[in-house]
Amino acid sequence: MLAIMAILSTAILPPVLERITEAKVEGSIGQAQMILQICEIARTKVLATSVDARGRYTHTYGSLDNWASTTVLQSKLTTNYDLATKNALGSQILVKFDAARCYVAVDLPFLQSDYGGYSTETVGGKTRVIVTTRIKNSSYPSWVVNQKRILHDEETR
């Protein structure tokens, strides 16, 4: 009886544990996609505005060039957001953003070269999935967008 239970547990346990890990990864990626929305608020938030002698406005935006925790992201927002610091895998949630988009890292507990069509990089012998926003295309042709910027003397994100 004990031998039968041991055989069954060795046959059933690995697929169950694998499915649990997959669910945690998918949950962490979903959580990263929600944090992207808050990251976009911080990325597009105007920190300062100046007006030159000709009446042109120049906006200054924040940046987060290196991977940082969600507490750093929270400090860039005026409203008190309650962002998680760890994901379902137990790893720290890391964010960064530039002028074009936000990025949220999901560190996997294993090494895999490609995961679900996301960009990946290897960190410490494990895979980091990088969840990011898409660059939004305007409904106008690019020359119209450029002309609007020239006419209004603006540089915006």
N, C-alpha and C. Protein backbone atom coordinates (compact mmCIF):
# COMPACT_ATOMS: atom_id res chain seq x y z
N MET A 1 0.82 -1.19 0.00
CA MET A 1 0.00 0.00 0.00
C MET A 1 0.86 1.26 0.00
N LEU A 2 1.88 1.26 0.86
CA LEU A 2 2.78 2.40 0.94
C LEU A 2 3.57 2.56 -0.36
N ALA A 3 3.95 1.46 -0.96
CA ALA A 3 4.68 1.51 -2.23
C ALA A 3 3.81 2.08 -3.35
N ILE A 4 2.54 1.74 -3.35
CA ILE A 4 1.61 2.26 -4.37
C ILE A 4 1.46 3.77 -4.21
N MET A 5 1.34 4.24 -2.97
CA MET A 5 1.20 5.68 -2.71
C MET A 5 2.47 6.42 -3.12
N ALA A 6 3.63 5.83 -2.89
CA ALA A 6 4.89 6.45 -3.27
C ALA A 6 4.99 6.56 -4.79
N ILE A 7 4.59 5.54 -5.50
CA ILE A 7 4.63 5.55 -6.96
C ILE A 7 3.66 6.59 -7.50
N LEU A 8 2.46 6.65 -6.96
CA LEU A 8 1.48 7.63 -7.40
C LEU A 8 1.94 9.05 -7.13
N SER A 9 2.53 9.28 -5.96
CA SER A 9 2.97 10.63 -5.63
C SER A 9 4.11 11.08 -6.53
N THR A 10 5.01 10.19 -6.91
CA THR A 10 6.09 10.57 -7.82
C THR A 10 5.57 10.81 -9.23
N ALA A 11 4.45 10.21 -9.59
CA ALA A 11 3.88 10.42 -10.92
C ALA A 11 3.00 11.65 -10.97
N ILE A 12 2.33 11.97 -9.90
CA ILE A 12 1.36 13.07 -9.88
C ILE A 12 1.96 14.37 -9.37
N LEU A 13 2.83 14.32 -8.42
CA LEU A 13 3.34 15.52 -7.76
C LEU A 13 4.08 16.49 -8.70
N PRO A 14 5.02 16.06 -9.54
CA PRO A 14 5.73 17.02 -10.41
C PRO A 14 4.81 17.84 -11.33
N PRO A 15 3.84 17.23 -12.03
CA PRO A 15 2.95 18.06 -12.86
C PRO A 15 2.12 19.05 -12.05
N VAL A 16 1.72 18.66 -10.85
CA VAL A 16 0.94 19.56 -10.00
C VAL A 16 1.79 20.75 -9.58
N LEU A 17 3.02 20.49 -9.15
CA LEU A 17 3.91 21.57 -8.75
C LEU A 17 4.24 22.49 -9.93
N GLU A 18 4.40 21.90 -11.11
CA GLU A 18 4.67 22.69 -12.30
C GLU A 18 3.50 23.62 -12.63
N ARG A 19 2.30 23.11 -12.50
CA ARG A 19 1.10 23.92 -12.77
C ARG A 19 0.96 25.04 -11.75
N ILE A 20 1.30 24.79 -10.50
CA ILE A 20 1.25 25.83 -9.47
C ILE A 20 2.23 26.94 -9.81
N THR A 21 3.44 26.58 -10.24
CA THR A 21 4.44 27.58 -10.63
C THR A 21 3.96 28.38 -11.83
N GLU A 22 3.37 27.71 -12.82
CA GLU A 22 2.82 28.41 -14.00
C GLU A 22 1.75 29.41 -13.59
N ALA A 23 0.89 29.03 -12.67
CA ALA A 23 -0.17 29.93 -12.20
C ALA A 23 0.42 31.14 -11.49
N LYS A 24 1.47 30.94 -10.71
CA LYS A 24 2.13 32.05 -10.02
C LYS A 24 2.79 33.00 -11.02
N VAL A 25 3.40 32.43 -12.07
CA VAL A 25 4.02 33.26 -13.10
C VAL A 25 2.96 34.08 -13.82
N GLU A 26 1.88 33.45 -14.22
CA GLU A 26 0.80 34.17 -14.92
C GLU A 26 0.19 35.25 -14.02
N GLY A 27 0.02 34.95 -12.75
CA GLY A 27 -0.49 35.94 -11.79
C GLY A 27 0.47 37.11 -11.64
N SER A 28 1.76 36.82 -11.61
CA SER A 28 2.77 37.88 -11.49
C SER A 28 2.80 38.76 -12.74
N ILE A 29 2.63 38.16 -13.91
CA ILE A 29 2.58 38.94 -15.16
C ILE A 29 1.32 39.80 -15.19
N GLY A 30 0.20 39.26 -14.74
CA GLY A 30 -1.03 40.05 -14.66
C GLY A 30 -0.87 41.22 -13.70
N GLN A 31 -0.23 40.98 -12.58
CA GLN A 31 0.03 42.04 -11.61
C GLN A 31 0.94 43.11 -12.23
N ALA A 32 1.94 42.68 -12.98
CA ALA A 32 2.85 43.63 -13.65
C ALA A 32 2.09 44.49 -14.65
N GLN A 33 1.13 43.92 -15.35
CA GLN A 33 0.34 44.70 -16.31
C GLN A 33 -0.51 45.75 -15.61
N MET A 34 -0.99 45.46 -14.40
CA MET A 34 -1.74 46.46 -13.65
C MET A 34 -0.82 47.57 -13.15
N ILE A 35 0.39 47.22 -12.74
CA ILE A 35 1.34 48.22 -12.26
C ILE A 35 1.77 49.14 -13.40
N LEU A 36 1.77 48.62 -14.62
CA LEU A 36 2.11 49.45 -15.79
C LEU A 36 1.20 50.66 -15.90
N GLN A 37 -0.07 50.49 -15.58
CA GLN A 37 -1.02 51.60 -15.67
C GLN A 37 -0.64 52.71 -14.69
N ILE A 38 -0.21 52.34 -13.50
CA ILE A 38 0.20 53.33 -12.52
C ILE A 38 1.54 53.93 -12.92
N CYS A 39 2.41 53.12 -13.49
CA CYS A 39 3.70 53.61 -13.98
C CYS A 39 3.49 54.67 -15.06
N GLU A 40 2.52 54.47 -15.92
CA GLU A 40 2.22 55.45 -16.97
C GLU A 40 1.82 56.80 -16.38
N ILE A 41 1.13 56.79 -15.25
CA ILE A 41 0.76 58.04 -14.58
C ILE A 41 2.02 58.77 -14.13
N ALA A 42 2.95 58.04 -13.52
CA ALA A 42 4.20 58.65 -13.07
C ALA A 42 5.06 59.11 -14.25
N ARG A 43 5.07 58.35 -15.32
CA ARG A 43 5.89 58.68 -16.48
C ARG A 43 5.43 59.95 -17.17
N THR A 44 4.14 60.16 -17.25
CA THR A 44 3.60 61.31 -17.97
C THR A 44 3.28 62.50 -17.05
N LYS A 45 3.60 62.38 -15.78
CA LYS A 45 3.35 63.45 -14.83
C LYS A 45 4.35 64.59 -15.04
N VAL A 46 3.85 65.79 -15.24
CA VAL A 46 4.70 66.96 -15.43
C VAL A 46 5.20 67.40 -14.05
N LEU A 47 6.52 67.45 -13.91
CA LEU A 47 7.11 67.86 -12.64
C LEU A 47 7.26 69.38 -12.54
N ALA A 48 7.57 70.00 -13.66
CA ALA A 48 7.73 71.46 -13.68
C ALA A 48 7.43 71.96 -15.08
N THR A 49 6.99 73.21 -15.14
CA THR A 49 6.71 73.86 -16.42
C THR A 49 7.35 75.23 -16.40
N SER A 50 8.04 75.56 -17.47
CA SER A 50 8.63 76.90 -17.58
C SER A 50 8.16 77.52 -18.89
N VAL A 51 8.12 78.85 -18.89
CA VAL A 51 7.70 79.60 -20.06
C VAL A 51 8.84 80.54 -20.43
N ASP A 52 9.27 80.49 -21.69
CA ASP A 52 10.36 81.38 -22.11
C ASP A 52 9.80 82.73 -22.55
N ALA A 53 10.67 83.62 -22.98
CA ALA A 53 10.28 84.98 -23.36
C ALA A 53 9.31 85.02 -24.53
N ARG A 54 9.35 84.00 -25.38
CA ARG A 54 8.44 83.95 -26.53
C ARG A 54 7.12 83.27 -26.20
N GLY A 55 6.93 82.86 -24.96
CA GLY A 55 5.68 82.24 -24.54
C GLY A 55 5.61 80.75 -24.79
N ARG A 56 6.75 80.12 -25.06
CA ARG A 56 6.77 78.68 -25.28
C ARG A 56 6.88 77.95 -23.95
N TYR A 57 6.10 76.90 -23.83
CA TYR A 57 6.11 76.09 -22.62
C TYR A 57 7.10 74.94 -22.76
N THR A 58 7.83 74.70 -21.70
CA THR A 58 8.71 73.54 -21.64
C THR A 58 8.34 72.76 -20.39
N HIS A 59 8.01 71.48 -20.58
CA HIS A 59 7.63 70.63 -19.46
C HIS A 59 8.81 69.75 -19.08
N THR A 60 8.96 69.53 -17.79
CA THR A 60 9.97 68.61 -17.29
C THR A 60 9.26 67.40 -16.71
N TYR A 61 9.71 66.23 -17.15
CA TYR A 61 9.11 64.97 -16.72
C TYR A 61 10.13 64.20 -15.88
N GLY A 62 9.62 63.32 -15.05
CA GLY A 62 10.49 62.46 -14.26
C GLY A 62 10.99 61.30 -15.09
N SER A 63 11.99 60.62 -14.56
CA SER A 63 12.47 59.42 -15.22
C SER A 63 12.92 58.43 -14.15
N LEU A 64 12.97 57.21 -14.54
CA LEU A 64 13.42 56.14 -13.67
C LEU A 64 14.23 55.21 -14.57
N ASP A 65 15.50 55.55 -14.75
CA ASP A 65 16.34 54.89 -15.75
C ASP A 65 16.78 53.48 -15.35
N ASN A 66 16.90 53.21 -14.07
CA ASN A 66 17.36 51.90 -13.61
C ASN A 66 16.24 51.18 -12.89
N TRP A 67 16.34 49.86 -12.82
CA TRP A 67 15.32 49.07 -12.12
C TRP A 67 15.24 49.54 -10.67
N ALA A 68 14.02 49.78 -10.20
CA ALA A 68 13.80 50.22 -8.83
C ALA A 68 12.55 49.54 -8.29
N SER A 69 12.39 49.54 -6.99
CA SER A 69 11.22 48.91 -6.37
C SER A 69 9.98 49.77 -6.57
N THR A 70 8.84 49.21 -6.30
CA THR A 70 7.58 49.94 -6.45
C THR A 70 7.46 51.07 -5.43
N THR A 71 8.21 51.01 -4.34
CA THR A 71 8.17 52.12 -3.38
C THR A 71 8.78 53.38 -3.99
N VAL A 72 9.78 53.23 -4.86
CA VAL A 72 10.34 54.38 -5.57
C VAL A 72 9.31 54.93 -6.54
N LEU A 73 8.58 54.05 -7.21
CA LEU A 73 7.51 54.49 -8.11
C LEU A 73 6.45 55.25 -7.33
N GLN A 74 6.06 54.74 -6.18
CA GLN A 74 5.06 55.42 -5.35
C GLN A 74 5.52 56.82 -4.97
N SER A 75 6.81 57.00 -4.71
CA SER A 75 7.31 58.32 -4.31
C SER A 75 7.23 59.34 -5.44
N LYS A 76 7.07 58.89 -6.68
CA LYS A 76 6.96 59.79 -7.83
C LYS A 76 5.51 60.19 -8.11
N LEU A 77 4.58 59.71 -7.31
CA LEU A 77 3.17 60.01 -7.50
C LEU A 77 2.67 60.89 -6.35
N THR A 78 1.69 61.75 -6.63
CA THR A 78 1.16 62.60 -5.58
C THR A 78 0.11 61.88 -4.73
N THR A 79 -0.62 60.98 -5.34
CA THR A 79 -1.66 60.25 -4.62
C THR A 79 -1.04 59.03 -3.97
N ASN A 80 -1.59 58.62 -2.86
CA ASN A 80 -1.06 57.47 -2.15
C ASN A 80 -1.57 56.18 -2.79
N TYR A 81 -0.73 55.58 -3.61
CA TYR A 81 -1.05 54.31 -4.23
C TYR A 81 -0.54 53.19 -3.33
N ASP A 82 -1.28 52.13 -3.24
CA ASP A 82 -0.88 50.99 -2.42
C ASP A 82 -0.35 49.90 -3.34
N LEU A 83 0.91 50.04 -3.75
CA LEU A 83 1.51 49.10 -4.69
C LEU A 83 2.19 47.97 -3.93
N ALA A 84 2.00 46.78 -4.42
CA ALA A 84 2.67 45.61 -3.83
C ALA A 84 4.17 45.71 -4.08
N THR A 85 4.97 45.18 -3.17
CA THR A 85 6.42 45.17 -3.34
C THR A 85 6.92 43.82 -3.83
N LYS A 86 6.13 42.76 -3.61
CA LYS A 86 6.51 41.41 -4.05
C LYS A 86 5.38 40.83 -4.87
N ASN A 87 5.74 39.94 -5.79
CA ASN A 87 4.72 39.29 -6.61
C ASN A 87 4.41 37.89 -6.07
N ALA A 88 3.57 37.16 -6.78
CA ALA A 88 3.15 35.82 -6.34
C ALA A 88 4.30 34.83 -6.27
N LEU A 89 5.37 35.09 -7.00
CA LEU A 89 6.55 34.21 -6.97
C LEU A 89 7.45 34.51 -5.78
N GLY A 90 7.14 35.60 -5.06
CA GLY A 90 7.94 35.98 -3.91
C GLY A 90 9.12 36.87 -4.26
N SER A 91 9.25 37.25 -5.52
CA SER A 91 10.36 38.13 -5.91
C SER A 91 9.90 39.59 -5.89
N GLN A 92 10.87 40.48 -5.73
CA GLN A 92 10.58 41.90 -5.66
C GLN A 92 10.10 42.40 -7.03
N ILE A 93 9.09 43.27 -7.02
CA ILE A 93 8.59 43.86 -8.25
C ILE A 93 9.48 45.05 -8.57
N LEU A 94 10.04 45.06 -9.78
CA LEU A 94 10.93 46.13 -10.21
C LEU A 94 10.31 46.88 -11.38
N VAL A 95 10.50 48.20 -11.39
CA VAL A 95 9.95 49.05 -12.45
C VAL A 95 11.02 50.01 -12.94
N LYS A 96 10.84 50.48 -14.16
CA LYS A 96 11.62 51.59 -14.69
C LYS A 96 10.82 52.21 -15.84
N PHE A 97 11.16 53.44 -16.20
CA PHE A 97 10.50 54.06 -17.35
C PHE A 97 11.41 55.09 -17.97
N ASP A 98 11.14 55.36 -19.26
CA ASP A 98 11.85 56.38 -20.00
C ASP A 98 10.82 57.25 -20.70
N ALA A 99 11.24 58.05 -21.64
CA ALA A 99 10.32 58.96 -22.31
C ALA A 99 9.26 58.22 -23.12
N ALA A 100 9.55 57.01 -23.56
CA ALA A 100 8.65 56.30 -24.45
C ALA A 100 7.68 55.36 -23.75
N ARG A 101 8.12 54.67 -22.68
CA ARG A 101 7.27 53.66 -22.08
C ARG A 101 7.75 53.23 -20.70
N CYS A 102 6.91 52.44 -20.05
CA CYS A 102 7.21 51.86 -18.74
C CYS A 102 7.57 50.39 -18.90
N TYR A 103 8.31 49.86 -17.91
CA TYR A 103 8.72 48.47 -17.90
C TYR A 103 8.54 47.92 -16.49
N VAL A 104 8.04 46.71 -16.37
CA VAL A 104 7.93 46.03 -15.09
C VAL A 104 8.58 44.65 -15.25
N ALA A 105 9.45 44.29 -14.29
CA ALA A 105 10.18 43.04 -14.36
C ALA A 105 9.50 41.96 -13.53
N VAL A 106 9.42 40.76 -14.10
CA VAL A 106 8.95 39.58 -13.38
C VAL A 106 10.09 38.58 -13.42
N ASP A 107 10.73 38.35 -12.28
CA ASP A 107 11.84 37.42 -12.21
C ASP A 107 11.31 36.01 -11.99
N LEU A 108 11.58 35.13 -12.96
CA LEU A 108 11.13 33.75 -12.90
C LEU A 108 12.11 32.92 -12.07
N PRO A 109 11.63 31.86 -11.42
CA PRO A 109 12.52 31.02 -10.62
C PRO A 109 13.28 29.99 -11.44
N PHE A 110 13.28 30.15 -12.76
CA PHE A 110 13.96 29.20 -13.65
C PHE A 110 14.51 29.95 -14.85
N LEU A 111 15.29 29.30 -15.65
CA LEU A 111 15.87 29.88 -16.86
C LEU A 111 15.12 29.37 -18.08
N GLN A 112 14.61 30.32 -18.86
CA GLN A 112 13.90 29.98 -20.09
C GLN A 112 14.16 31.11 -21.09
N SER A 113 14.58 30.77 -22.28
CA SER A 113 15.00 31.79 -23.24
C SER A 113 13.86 32.67 -23.74
N ASP A 114 12.67 32.14 -23.85
CA ASP A 114 11.53 32.91 -24.35
C ASP A 114 10.33 32.56 -23.50
N TYR A 115 9.58 33.58 -23.09
CA TYR A 115 8.41 33.27 -22.29
C TYR A 115 7.22 34.08 -22.79
N GLY A 116 6.30 33.42 -23.39
CA GLY A 116 5.02 34.00 -23.79
C GLY A 116 5.10 35.20 -24.71
N GLY A 117 6.15 35.35 -25.50
CA GLY A 117 6.26 36.47 -26.41
C GLY A 117 6.76 37.75 -25.78
N TYR A 118 7.09 37.73 -24.50
CA TYR A 118 7.62 38.90 -23.83
C TYR A 118 9.12 39.01 -24.04
N SER A 119 9.65 40.21 -23.92
CA SER A 119 11.10 40.39 -23.91
C SER A 119 11.64 39.76 -22.64
N THR A 120 12.79 39.14 -22.73
CA THR A 120 13.40 38.53 -21.56
C THR A 120 14.88 38.87 -21.52
N GLU A 121 15.44 38.77 -20.33
CA GLU A 121 16.88 38.89 -20.15
C GLU A 121 17.27 37.93 -19.04
N THR A 122 18.53 37.55 -19.01
CA THR A 122 19.01 36.64 -17.98
C THR A 122 19.66 37.45 -16.87
N VAL A 123 19.21 37.21 -15.65
CA VAL A 123 19.74 37.90 -14.48
C VAL A 123 20.02 36.85 -13.41
N GLY A 124 21.26 36.73 -13.02
CA GLY A 124 21.62 35.77 -11.99
C GLY A 124 21.31 34.33 -12.35
N GLY A 125 21.42 33.99 -13.63
CA GLY A 125 21.17 32.63 -14.06
C GLY A 125 19.70 32.27 -14.19
N LYS A 126 18.82 33.26 -14.04
CA LYS A 126 17.38 33.03 -14.17
C LYS A 126 16.81 34.03 -15.17
N THR A 127 15.59 33.80 -15.59
CA THR A 127 14.96 34.64 -16.60
C THR A 127 14.19 35.78 -15.96
N ARG A 128 14.37 36.97 -16.53
CA ARG A 128 13.57 38.14 -16.16
C ARG A 128 12.66 38.46 -17.34
N VAL A 129 11.36 38.36 -17.12
CA VAL A 129 10.38 38.71 -18.13
C VAL A 129 10.12 40.21 -17.99
N ILE A 130 10.16 40.92 -19.10
CA ILE A 130 9.95 42.37 -19.07
C ILE A 130 8.61 42.68 -19.71
N VAL A 131 7.69 43.11 -18.88
CA VAL A 131 6.35 43.48 -19.33
C VAL A 131 6.37 44.97 -19.58
N THR A 132 5.92 45.40 -20.74
CA THR A 132 5.99 46.81 -21.09
C THR A 132 4.74 47.26 -21.83
N THR A 133 4.56 48.56 -21.87
CA THR A 133 3.45 49.13 -22.62
C THR A 133 3.85 49.22 -24.09
N ARG A 134 2.88 49.20 -24.93
CA ARG A 134 3.14 49.38 -26.35
C ARG A 134 3.24 50.87 -26.63
N ILE A 135 4.05 51.20 -27.62
CA ILE A 135 4.10 52.59 -28.05
C ILE A 135 2.82 52.87 -28.80
N LYS A 136 2.11 53.89 -28.36
CA LYS A 136 0.81 54.19 -28.96
C LYS A 136 1.00 54.97 -30.25
N ASN A 137 0.36 54.51 -31.28
CA ASN A 137 0.39 55.21 -32.55
C ASN A 137 -0.78 56.17 -32.62
N SER A 138 -0.51 57.34 -33.12
CA SER A 138 -1.55 58.34 -33.27
C SER A 138 -2.46 57.95 -34.43
N SER A 139 -3.70 58.42 -34.37
CA SER A 139 -4.61 58.17 -35.48
C SER A 139 -4.29 59.08 -36.66
N TYR A 140 -3.48 60.13 -36.40
CA TYR A 140 -3.05 61.02 -37.46
C TYR A 140 -1.77 60.48 -38.10
N PRO A 141 -1.53 60.83 -39.37
CA PRO A 141 -0.23 60.48 -39.96
C PRO A 141 0.89 61.18 -39.19
N SER A 142 2.08 60.62 -39.22
CA SER A 142 3.19 61.16 -38.42
C SER A 142 3.51 62.61 -38.79
N TRP A 143 3.35 62.99 -40.05
CA TRP A 143 3.67 64.35 -40.43
C TRP A 143 2.70 65.34 -39.80
N VAL A 144 1.44 64.94 -39.59
CA VAL A 144 0.47 65.82 -38.93
C VAL A 144 0.85 66.01 -37.46
N VAL A 145 1.24 64.92 -36.80
CA VAL A 145 1.66 65.01 -35.40
C VAL A 145 2.86 65.92 -35.28
N ASN A 146 3.84 65.78 -36.17
CA ASN A 146 5.02 66.63 -36.14
C ASN A 146 4.69 68.09 -36.40
N GLN A 147 3.78 68.34 -37.33
CA GLN A 147 3.37 69.73 -37.61
C GLN A 147 2.69 70.36 -36.41
N LYS A 148 1.85 69.59 -35.73
CA LYS A 148 1.20 70.11 -34.53
C LYS A 148 2.23 70.50 -33.47
N ARG A 149 3.24 69.66 -33.29
CA ARG A 149 4.28 69.95 -32.31
C ARG A 149 5.07 71.20 -32.71
N ILE A 150 5.37 71.33 -34.00
CA ILE A 150 6.11 72.51 -34.47
C ILE A 150 5.27 73.77 -34.27
N LEU A 151 4.00 73.71 -34.63
CA LEU A 151 3.13 74.88 -34.51
C LEU A 151 2.96 75.32 -33.04
N HIS A 152 2.95 74.36 -32.16
CA HIS A 152 2.75 74.68 -30.74
C HIS A 152 4.07 74.77 -29.97
N ASP A 153 5.20 74.62 -30.67
CA ASP A 153 6.52 74.67 -30.02
C ASP A 153 6.56 73.79 -28.79
N GLU A 154 6.14 72.57 -28.93
CA GLU A 154 6.12 71.71 -27.76
C GLU A 154 6.85 70.40 -28.02
N GLU A 155 7.33 69.86 -26.94
CA GLU A 155 7.89 68.52 -26.92
C GLU A 155 7.19 67.82 -25.81
N THR A 156 6.39 66.83 -26.16
CA THR A 156 5.63 66.11 -25.16
C THR A 156 5.92 64.64 -25.25
N ARG A 157 5.48 63.94 -24.24
CA ARG A 157 5.68 62.50 -24.22
C ARG A 157 4.56 61.84 -24.92
